[in-house]
């Protein structure tokens, strides 16, 4: 494990946390929080994919 990319690890951990929070929101039956955490999860995932794509093409 020579090269550990901490910022991408943090981003992926945040995405996983958001989708775990979707599960918690489902358990509490809160539609607002379900939509909020889903949206934040997909936004963070999109940011991570765009950062990775920029690094690969550069």
C-alpha atoms as a PDB file:
ATOM      1  CA  UNK A   1       0.000   0.000   0.000  1.00  0.00           C
ATOM      2  CA  UNK A   2       2.365   2.675  -1.265  1.00  0.00           C
ATOM      3  CA  UNK A   3      -0.075   5.314  -2.375  1.00  0.00           C
ATOM      4  CA  UNK A   4      -3.049   5.954  -0.085  1.00  0.00           C
ATOM      5  CA  UNK A   5      -5.394   8.595  -1.483  1.00  0.00           C
ATOM      6  CA  UNK A   6      -6.920  10.057   1.686  1.00  0.00           C
ATOM      7  CA  UNK A   7      -9.243  12.649   0.044  1.00  0.00           C
ATOM      8  CA  UNK A   8     -10.876  10.008  -2.179  1.00  0.00           C
ATOM      9  CA  UNK A   9     -11.158   7.674   0.825  1.00  0.00           C
ATOM     10  CA  UNK A  10     -12.918  10.445   2.736  1.00  0.00           C
ATOM     11  CA  UNK A  11     -15.288  11.105  -0.164  1.00  0.00           C
ATOM     12  CA  UNK A  12     -16.186   7.432  -0.539  1.00  0.00           C
ATOM     13  CA  UNK A  13     -16.712   7.132   3.211  1.00  0.00           C
ATOM     14  CA  UNK A  14     -19.081  10.101   3.096  1.00  0.00           C
ATOM     15  CA  UNK A  15     -21.090   8.461   0.302  1.00  0.00           C
ATOM     16  CA  UNK A  16     -21.378   5.249   2.309  1.00  0.00           C
ATOM     17  CA  UNK A  17     -22.427   7.249   5.377  1.00  0.00           C
ATOM     18  CA  UNK A  18     -25.137   9.053   3.398  1.00  0.00           C
ATOM     19  CA  UNK A  19     -26.601   5.774   2.159  1.00  0.00           C
ATOM     20  CA  UNK A  20     -26.477   4.342   5.677  1.00  0.00           C
ATOM     21  CA  UNK A  21     -28.382   7.415   6.838  1.00  0.00           C
ATOM     22  CA  UNK A  22     -30.973   6.695   4.132  1.00  0.00           C
ATOM     23  CA  UNK A  23     -31.527   3.352   5.862  1.00  0.00           C
ATOM     24  CA  UNK A  24     -31.922   5.089   9.218  1.00  0.00           C
ATOM     25  CA  UNK A  25     -34.375   7.568   7.683  1.00  0.00           C
ATOM     26  CA  UNK A  26     -36.360   4.674   6.231  1.00  0.00           C
ATOM     27  CA  UNK A  27     -36.505   3.121   9.698  1.00  0.00           C
ATOM     28  CA  UNK A  28     -37.855   6.404  11.088  1.00  0.00           C
ATOM     29  CA  UNK A  29     -40.241   6.729   8.102  1.00  0.00           C
ATOM     30  CA  UNK A  30     -39.091  10.261   7.339  1.00  0.00           C
ATOM     31  CA  UNK A  31     -39.597  10.960   3.633  1.00  0.00           C
ATOM     32  CA  UNK A  32     -37.816  14.326   3.819  1.00  0.00           C
ATOM     33  CA  UNK A  33     -34.630  12.860   5.254  1.00  0.00           C
ATOM     34  CA  UNK A  34     -34.729   9.933   2.819  1.00  0.00           C
ATOM     35  CA  UNK A  35     -34.783  12.321  -0.138  1.00  0.00           C
ATOM     36  CA  UNK A  36     -32.183  14.622   1.470  1.00  0.00           C
ATOM     37  CA  UNK A  37     -29.653  11.882   2.205  1.00  0.00           C
ATOM     38  CA  UNK A  38     -30.187  10.250  -1.194  1.00  0.00           C
ATOM     39  CA  UNK A  39     -29.584  13.563  -2.959  1.00  0.00           C
ATOM     40  CA  UNK A  40     -26.478  14.356  -0.896  1.00  0.00           C
ATOM     41  CA  UNK A  41     -25.138  10.829  -1.486  1.00  0.00           C
ATOM     42  CA  UNK A  42     -25.553  11.071  -5.248  1.00  0.00           C
ATOM     43  CA  UNK A  43     -24.069  14.587  -5.339  1.00  0.00           C
ATOM     44  CA  UNK A  44     -20.976  13.507  -3.404  1.00  0.00           C
ATOM     45  CA  UNK A  45     -20.658  10.405  -5.599  1.00  0.00           C
ATOM     46  CA  UNK A  46     -20.840  12.590  -8.703  1.00  0.00           C
ATOM     47  CA  UNK A  47     -18.145  14.883  -7.335  1.00  0.00           C
ATOM     48  CA  UNK A  48     -15.896  11.895  -6.663  1.00  0.00           C
ATOM     49  CA  UNK A  49     -16.426  10.455 -10.142  1.00  0.00           C
ATOM     50  CA  UNK A  50     -15.701  13.814 -11.789  1.00  0.00           C
ATOM     51  CA  UNK A  51     -12.500  14.235  -9.746  1.00  0.00           C
ATOM     52  CA  UNK A  52     -11.360  10.732 -10.703  1.00  0.00           C
ATOM     53  CA  UNK A  53     -12.179  11.348 -14.369  1.00  0.00           C
ATOM     54  CA  UNK A  54     -10.141  14.576 -14.351  1.00  0.00           C
ATOM     55  CA  UNK A  55      -7.155  12.772 -12.805  1.00  0.00           C
ATOM     56  CA  UNK A  56      -7.303   9.940 -15.362  1.00  0.00           C
ATOM     57  CA  UNK A  57      -7.505  12.197 -18.420  1.00  0.00           C
ATOM     58  CA  UNK A  58      -4.823  14.621 -17.202  1.00  0.00           C
END
